[in-house]
Amino acid sequence: MARKTGSHSQITGPKVRAAAQSLFARKGFAAVSMRQIAAEVGVQAGALYLYTPDKQTLLLDLMETHLTELLAGWEDSDPKGDAQDRLEAFVRFHIRFNLDRADAVFIAYMELRNLTDENFAKVEALRGRYEDMLEDILRDGQRAGRFDIPDTKLATLAVIAMLTGVNTWFREGGRLSRDMVENVYWDMVRKAVATT
């Protein structure tokens, strides 16, 4: 019996992805077997192959989905116009978007080493598109004399790393609210790129 009674692809497929994401984030991709994912979902191991050809494809799917949603989310949020307004919007968007997706963010950054070369190239292209969006904002601010940045690529990587780091320490109900975190991080980024 390959499929659990009452199981449907539109129900079980997302459960497989959610279970894999949770397990990969908690234990690491290399330590998780297809059998463990199946047990988490409540299906036989062989049934997983109805939803994904292998564990590598599942990892790629999780990363691509996260990055595609990130790109689409920013494109919908981008206020256009003034570089400083756009940079503030980017900072706030990045924090807000990623805090709701801690497992996906962890996997997208920490499991790159487990991708095949071909899959790494696909994920790297998506990451590059997102980085380019921020770098365009920084370049626009530099050209307008609003930002003093000696290297926009380096500044892009530094800002993204700083913003993504929020996921490592932020806890809901902790000392700082989400709004406070956004405000403090925006102030730090603003000061880091401002003209003197």
C-alpha atoms as a PDB file:
ATOM      1  CA  MET A   1       0.000   0.000   0.000  1.00  0.00           C
ATOM      2  CA  ALA A   2       1.761   3.136  -1.211  1.00  0.00           C
ATOM      3  CA  ARG A   3      -0.605   5.804  -0.010  1.00  0.00           C
ATOM      4  CA  LYS A   4      -2.166   6.255   3.402  1.00  0.00           C
ATOM      5  CA  THR A   5      -5.940   5.860   3.380  1.00  0.00           C
ATOM      6  CA  GLY A   6      -7.572   9.219   2.751  1.00  0.00           C
ATOM      7  CA  SER A   7      -4.319  10.759   1.513  1.00  0.00           C
ATOM      8  CA  HIS A   8      -4.471  13.170  -1.408  1.00  0.00           C
ATOM      9  CA  SER A   9      -1.594  14.770  -3.283  1.00  0.00           C
ATOM     10  CA  GLN A  10      -2.791  18.308  -2.533  1.00  0.00           C
ATOM     11  CA  ILE A  11      -2.806  17.441   1.178  1.00  0.00           C
ATOM     12  CA  THR A  12       0.115  15.036   1.491  1.00  0.00           C
ATOM     13  CA  GLY A  13       2.465  16.894  -0.880  1.00  0.00           C
ATOM     14  CA  PRO A  14       2.557  20.037   1.281  1.00  0.00           C
ATOM     15  CA  LYS A  15       2.871  17.854   4.409  1.00  0.00           C
ATOM     16  CA  VAL A  16       5.945  16.190   2.894  1.00  0.00           C
ATOM     17  CA  ARG A  17       7.516  19.581   2.202  1.00  0.00           C
ATOM     18  CA  ALA A  18       6.646  20.917   5.665  1.00  0.00           C
ATOM     19  CA  ALA A  19       8.034  17.812   7.382  1.00  0.00           C
ATOM     20  CA  ALA A  20      11.230  17.914   5.332  1.00  0.00           C
ATOM     21  CA  GLN A  21      11.690  21.621   6.060  1.00  0.00           C
ATOM     22  CA  SER A  22      11.235  21.132   9.784  1.00  0.00           C
ATOM     23  CA  LEU A  23      13.550  18.117   9.934  1.00  0.00           C
ATOM     24  CA  PHE A  24      16.251  19.678   7.733  1.00  0.00           C
ATOM     25  CA  ALA A  25      16.215  22.813   9.901  1.00  0.00           C
ATOM     26  CA  ARG A  26      16.385  20.864  13.183  1.00  0.00           C
ATOM     27  CA  LYS A  27      18.756  18.032  12.286  1.00  0.00           C
ATOM     28  CA  GLY A  28      20.484  19.066   9.072  1.00  0.00           C
ATOM     29  CA  PHE A  29      19.923  17.739   5.571  1.00  0.00           C
ATOM     30  CA  ALA A  30      22.609  15.043   5.760  1.00  0.00           C
ATOM     31  CA  ALA A  31      21.215  13.591   9.004  1.00  0.00           C
ATOM     32  CA  VAL A  32      17.633  13.218   7.735  1.00  0.00           C
ATOM     33  CA  SER A  33      16.476  10.163   5.820  1.00  0.00           C
ATOM     34  CA  MET A  34      13.494   9.794   3.548  1.00  0.00           C
ATOM     35  CA  ARG A  35      12.220   7.241   6.078  1.00  0.00           C
ATOM     36  CA  GLN A  36      12.249   9.922   8.817  1.00  0.00           C
ATOM     37  CA  ILE A  37      10.331  12.337   6.587  1.00  0.00           C
ATOM     38  CA  ALA A  38       7.773   9.632   5.817  1.00  0.00           C
ATOM     39  CA  ALA A  39       7.349   8.842   9.526  1.00  0.00           C
ATOM     40  CA  GLU A  40       6.791  12.535  10.274  1.00  0.00           C
ATOM     41  CA  VAL A  41       4.077  12.703   7.605  1.00  0.00           C
ATOM     42  CA  GLY A  42       2.556   9.352   8.570  1.00  0.00           C
ATOM     43  CA  VAL A  43       3.089   7.529   5.275  1.00  0.00           C
ATOM     44  CA  GLN A  44       5.278   4.645   4.188  1.00  0.00           C
ATOM     45  CA  ALA A  45       8.739   5.620   2.913  1.00  0.00           C
ATOM     46  CA  GLY A  46       7.934   4.460  -0.606  1.00  0.00           C
ATOM     47  CA  ALA A  47       4.977   6.827  -0.759  1.00  0.00           C
ATOM     48  CA  LEU A  48       7.297   9.845  -0.629  1.00  0.00           C
ATOM     49  CA  TYR A  49       8.435   9.094  -4.162  1.00  0.00           C
ATOM     50  CA  LEU A  50       4.951   9.999  -5.367  1.00  0.00           C
ATOM     51  CA  TYR A  51       5.770  13.572  -4.304  1.00  0.00           C
ATOM     52  CA  THR A  52       9.496  13.930  -4.965  1.00  0.00           C
ATOM     53  CA  PRO A  53      12.052  11.843  -6.867  1.00  0.00           C
ATOM     54  CA  ASP A  54      14.687  12.147  -4.116  1.00  0.00           C
ATOM     55  CA  LYS A  55      15.884  14.095  -1.092  1.00  0.00           C
ATOM     56  CA  GLN A  56      18.114  16.412  -3.183  1.00  0.00           C
ATOM     57  CA  THR A  57      15.134  17.498  -5.292  1.00  0.00           C
ATOM     58  CA  LEU A  58      13.162  18.142  -2.122  1.00  0.00           C
ATOM     59  CA  LEU A  59      15.962  20.358  -0.754  1.00  0.00           C
ATOM     60  CA  LEU A  60      16.167  22.288  -4.025  1.00  0.00           C
ATOM     61  CA  ASP A  61      12.384  22.737  -4.077  1.00  0.00           C
ATOM     62  CA  LEU A  62      12.391  24.162  -0.543  1.00  0.00           C
ATOM     63  CA  MET A  63      15.167  26.617  -1.351  1.00  0.00           C
ATOM     64  CA  GLU A  64      13.726  27.700  -4.700  1.00  0.00           C
ATOM     65  CA  THR A  65      10.282  28.185  -3.206  1.00  0.00           C
ATOM     66  CA  HIS A  66      11.654  30.348  -0.398  1.00  0.00           C
ATOM     67  CA  LEU A  67      13.751  32.503  -2.705  1.00  0.00           C
ATOM     68  CA  THR A  68      11.006  32.846  -5.325  1.00  0.00           C
ATOM     69  CA  GLU A  69       8.562  33.990  -2.632  1.00  0.00           C
ATOM     70  CA  LEU A  70      11.203  36.387  -1.265  1.00  0.00           C
ATOM     71  CA  LEU A  71      11.754  37.925  -4.706  1.00  0.00           C
ATOM     72  CA  ALA A  72       8.029  38.231  -5.395  1.00  0.00           C
ATOM     73  CA  GLY A  73       7.420  39.689  -1.951  1.00  0.00           C
ATOM     74  CA  TRP A  74      10.013  42.411  -2.444  1.00  0.00           C
ATOM     75  CA  GLU A  75       8.777  43.208  -5.958  1.00  0.00           C
ATOM     76  CA  ASP A  76       5.285  43.710  -4.487  1.00  0.00           C
ATOM     77  CA  SER A  77       6.625  45.830  -1.581  1.00  0.00           C
ATOM     78  CA  ASP A  78       9.181  47.994  -3.401  1.00  0.00           C
ATOM     79  CA  PRO A  79       7.953  51.602  -3.142  1.00  0.00           C
ATOM     80  CA  LYS A  80      10.172  52.757  -6.067  1.00  0.00           C
ATOM     81  CA  GLY A  81      11.364  56.368  -6.060  1.00  0.00           C
ATOM     82  CA  ASP A  82      13.913  57.772  -3.603  1.00  0.00           C
ATOM     83  CA  ALA A  83      16.832  55.459  -2.725  1.00  0.00           C
ATOM     84  CA  GLN A  84      16.635  56.154   1.003  1.00  0.00           C
ATOM     85  CA  ASP A  85      12.909  55.349   1.123  1.00  0.00           C
ATOM     86  CA  ARG A  86      13.508  52.179  -0.864  1.00  0.00           C
ATOM     87  CA  LEU A  87      16.398  51.142   1.379  1.00  0.00           C
ATOM     88  CA  GLU A  88      14.252  51.603   4.479  1.00  0.00           C
ATOM     89  CA  ALA A  89      11.466  49.589   2.852  1.00  0.00           C
ATOM     90  CA  PHE A  90      13.969  46.846   1.944  1.00  0.00           C
ATOM     91  CA  VAL A  91      15.338  46.634   5.501  1.00  0.00           C
ATOM     92  CA  ARG A  92      11.865  46.389   6.996  1.00  0.00           C
ATOM     93  CA  PHE A  93      10.648  43.946   4.345  1.00  0.00           C
ATOM     94  CA  HIS A  94      13.633  41.613   4.738  1.00  0.00           C
ATOM     95  CA  ILE A  95      13.269  41.385   8.507  1.00  0.00           C
ATOM     96  CA  ARG A  96       9.487  41.000   8.443  1.00  0.00           C
ATOM     97  CA  PHE A  97       9.477  38.423   5.646  1.00  0.00           C
ATOM     98  CA  ASN A  98      12.220  36.260   7.127  1.00  0.00           C
ATOM     99  CA  LEU A  99      11.067  36.287  10.752  1.00  0.00           C
ATOM    100  CA  ASP A 100       7.960  34.411   9.662  1.00  0.00           C
ATOM    101  CA  ARG A 101      10.065  31.806   7.840  1.00  0.00           C
ATOM    102  CA  ALA A 102      12.898  30.899  10.206  1.00  0.00           C
ATOM    103  CA  ASP A 103      13.255  27.284   9.046  1.00  0.00           C
ATOM    104  CA  ALA A 104      13.242  28.244   5.357  1.00  0.00           C
ATOM    105  CA  VAL A 105      15.867  30.944   5.955  1.00  0.00           C
ATOM    106  CA  PHE A 106      18.090  28.578   7.915  1.00  0.00           C
ATOM    107  CA  ILE A 107      17.932  25.970   5.154  1.00  0.00           C
ATOM    108  CA  ALA A 108      18.496  28.531   2.389  1.00  0.00           C
ATOM    109  CA  TYR A 109      21.768  29.640   4.000  1.00  0.00           C
ATOM    110  CA  MET A 110      23.084  26.615   5.892  1.00  0.00           C
ATOM    111  CA  GLU A 111      22.323  23.801   3.477  1.00  0.00           C
ATOM    112  CA  LEU A 112      23.877  25.267   0.324  1.00  0.00           C
ATOM    113  CA  ARG A 113      26.832  22.910   0.804  1.00  0.00           C
ATOM    114  CA  ASN A 114      24.535  19.925   0.309  1.00  0.00           C
ATOM    115  CA  LEU A 115      23.305  20.954  -3.124  1.00  0.00           C
ATOM    116  CA  THR A 116      24.692  19.383  -6.276  1.00  0.00           C
ATOM    117  CA  ASP A 117      26.670  21.792  -8.461  1.00  0.00           C
ATOM    118  CA  GLU A 118      23.736  22.159 -10.861  1.00  0.00           C
ATOM    119  CA  ASN A 119      21.245  22.841  -8.069  1.00  0.00           C
ATOM    120  CA  PHE A 120      23.656  25.220  -6.342  1.00  0.00           C
ATOM    121  CA  ALA A 121      23.844  27.254  -9.567  1.00  0.00           C
ATOM    122  CA  LYS A 122      20.026  27.525  -9.664  1.00  0.00           C
ATOM    123  CA  VAL A 123      19.813  28.707  -6.061  1.00  0.00           C
ATOM    124  CA  GLU A 124      22.782  31.053  -6.461  1.00  0.00           C
ATOM    125  CA  ALA A 125      21.083  32.687  -9.468  1.00  0.00           C
ATOM    126  CA  LEU A 126      17.973  33.411  -7.368  1.00  0.00           C
ATOM    127  CA  ARG A 127      20.070  34.753  -4.484  1.00  0.00           C
ATOM    128  CA  GLY A 128      21.971  36.897  -6.974  1.00  0.00           C
ATOM    129  CA  ARG A 129      18.733  38.432  -8.261  1.00  0.00           C
ATOM    130  CA  TYR A 130      17.745  39.408  -4.718  1.00  0.00           C
ATOM    131  CA  GLU A 131      21.185  40.852  -3.982  1.00  0.00           C
ATOM    132  CA  ASP A 132      21.030  42.807  -7.251  1.00  0.00           C
ATOM    133  CA  MET A 133      17.779  44.437  -6.133  1.00  0.00           C
ATOM    134  CA  LEU A 134      19.449  45.795  -3.005  1.00  0.00           C
ATOM    135  CA  GLU A 135      22.621  46.752  -4.857  1.00  0.00           C
ATOM    136  CA  ASP A 136      20.547  48.764  -7.361  1.00  0.00           C
ATOM    137  CA  ILE A 137      19.096  50.754  -4.445  1.00  0.00           C
ATOM    138  CA  LEU A 138      22.552  51.362  -2.994  1.00  0.00           C
ATOM    139  CA  ARG A 139      23.942  52.435  -6.384  1.00  0.00           C
ATOM    140  CA  ASP A 140      21.032  54.829  -6.905  1.00  0.00           C
ATOM    141  CA  GLY A 141      21.706  56.380  -3.492  1.00  0.00           C
ATOM    142  CA  GLN A 142      25.410  56.575  -4.240  1.00  0.00           C
ATOM    143  CA  ARG A 143      24.778  58.350  -7.571  1.00  0.00           C
ATOM    144  CA  ALA A 144      22.380  60.783  -5.897  1.00  0.00           C
ATOM    145  CA  GLY A 145      24.988  61.616  -3.255  1.00  0.00           C
ATOM    146  CA  ARG A 146      22.810  60.178  -0.456  1.00  0.00           C
ATOM    147  CA  PHE A 147      25.004  57.166   0.332  1.00  0.00           C
ATOM    148  CA  ASP A 148      28.747  57.019   0.864  1.00  0.00           C
ATOM    149  CA  ILE A 149      29.658  53.448  -0.072  1.00  0.00           C
ATOM    150  CA  PRO A 150      33.101  52.546  -1.435  1.00  0.00           C
ATOM    151  CA  ASP A 151      31.905  49.148  -2.760  1.00  0.00           C
ATOM    152  CA  THR A 152      28.199  48.575  -3.374  1.00  0.00           C
ATOM    153  CA  LYS A 153      28.542  44.792  -3.763  1.00  0.00           C
ATOM    154  CA  LEU A 154      30.313  44.455  -0.424  1.00  0.00           C
ATOM    155  CA  ALA A 155      27.764  46.757   1.215  1.00  0.00           C
ATOM    156  CA  THR A 156      24.947  44.652  -0.255  1.00  0.00           C
ATOM    157  CA  LEU A 157      26.330  41.431   1.184  1.00  0.00           C
ATOM    158  CA  ALA A 158      27.011  43.072   4.562  1.00  0.00           C
ATOM    159  CA  VAL A 159      23.489  44.499   4.848  1.00  0.00           C
ATOM    160  CA  ILE A 160      21.825  41.215   3.880  1.00  0.00           C
ATOM    161  CA  ALA A 161      23.996  39.260   6.320  1.00  0.00           C
ATOM    162  CA  MET A 162      23.196  41.713   9.115  1.00  0.00           C
ATOM    163  CA  LEU A 163      19.445  41.613   8.432  1.00  0.00           C
ATOM    164  CA  THR A 164      19.316  37.834   8.067  1.00  0.00           C
ATOM    165  CA  GLY A 165      21.150  37.492  11.378  1.00  0.00           C
ATOM    166  CA  VAL A 166      18.009  38.676  13.181  1.00  0.00           C
ATOM    167  CA  ASN A 167      16.631  35.147  12.740  1.00  0.00           C
ATOM    168  CA  THR A 168      19.393  33.695  14.908  1.00  0.00           C
ATOM    169  CA  TRP A 169      18.458  35.599  18.060  1.00  0.00           C
ATOM    170  CA  PHE A 170      14.951  37.058  17.788  1.00  0.00           C
ATOM    171  CA  ARG A 171      12.278  35.384  19.911  1.00  0.00           C
ATOM    172  CA  GLU A 172       8.609  36.336  19.787  1.00  0.00           C
ATOM    173  CA  GLY A 173       7.581  37.838  23.129  1.00  0.00           C
ATOM    174  CA  GLY A 174      11.182  38.687  23.988  1.00  0.00           C
ATOM    175  CA  ARG A 175      12.636  42.009  25.070  1.00  0.00           C
ATOM    176  CA  LEU A 176      12.206  43.634  21.648  1.00  0.00           C
ATOM    177  CA  SER A 177       9.099  43.677  19.489  1.00  0.00           C
ATOM    178  CA  ARG A 178       9.313  43.181  15.731  1.00  0.00           C
ATOM    179  CA  ASP A 179       8.679  46.894  15.183  1.00  0.00           C
ATOM    180  CA  MET A 180      11.485  47.827  17.565  1.00  0.00           C
ATOM    181  CA  VAL A 181      13.876  45.456  15.799  1.00  0.00           C
ATOM    182  CA  GLU A 182      12.958  46.946  12.419  1.00  0.00           C
ATOM    183  CA  ASN A 183      13.491  50.478  13.747  1.00  0.00           C
ATOM    184  CA  VAL A 184      16.883  49.707  15.305  1.00  0.00           C
ATOM    185  CA  TYR A 185      18.135  47.829  12.252  1.00  0.00           C
ATOM    186  CA  TRP A 186      16.953  50.562   9.910  1.00  0.00           C
ATOM    187  CA  ASP A 187      18.828  53.120  12.018  1.00  0.00           C
ATOM    188  CA  MET A 188      22.026  51.016  11.872  1.00  0.00           C
ATOM    189  CA  VAL A 189      21.800  50.474   8.118  1.00  0.00           C
ATOM    190  CA  ARG A 190      20.996  54.153   7.506  1.00  0.00           C
ATOM    191  CA  LYS A 191      24.035  55.248   9.507  1.00  0.00           C
ATOM    192  CA  ALA A 192      26.260  52.653   7.802  1.00  0.00           C
ATOM    193  CA  VAL A 193      25.568  53.988   4.294  1.00  0.00           C
ATOM    194  CA  ALA A 194      24.908  57.693   4.989  1.00  0.00           C
ATOM    195  CA  THR A 195      27.129  60.409   3.628  1.00  0.00           C
ATOM    196  CA  THR A 196      29.198  62.087   6.320  1.00  0.00           C
END
